Amino acid sequence: GVRSDMVYYSNLTAAGVTHHGDVVDGTTVTGDDETITIDLAEVVGDELIVTITSYNSGSFGEADNTVANLYNFGETKPLVSANLASEAAFGTALSLIRFFKEEGEWKFENVSMTLGSSENGLEDIISKYK
């Protein structure tokens, strides 16, 4: 397919997706540093890939407590959890979750695949998902 839109720290919204800001220094005392809300009923297209990049150009393994979680709205137990420091220690870009439509219904799969280790992980994602 063709990428129709991308949400990241310089473009915080697209149909059905809202990025609620980026805490780049890890200073959040409790809870998650960053949150993205996804309403699949509003998403345009039949596929949505959630990716993660390292903001400071260092690998995920260089940061403390780099964990990514996917929650169903209103629930506290993650559907998917990935420890980036171990699963993508040398990477700066990671494809985490792939949502896709099958017979008209949204489904998801845990991808947790390192996409690259360039200085700017966002470039790795753009190259992968043109």
Foldseek 3Di string as FASTA:
>chain_A
DADDDDDDQVRQDDFQKGKPHADQPPPDPDDDRTDMGGDPVRDPDFKDWDKAFRPQLAFLLVDPQDKDFDCDPPDDDGPDMDRRNPLVVQAGMWTAKMWGDDPRDIDMDGDGGGQGRGSTRVVSVVVVRD
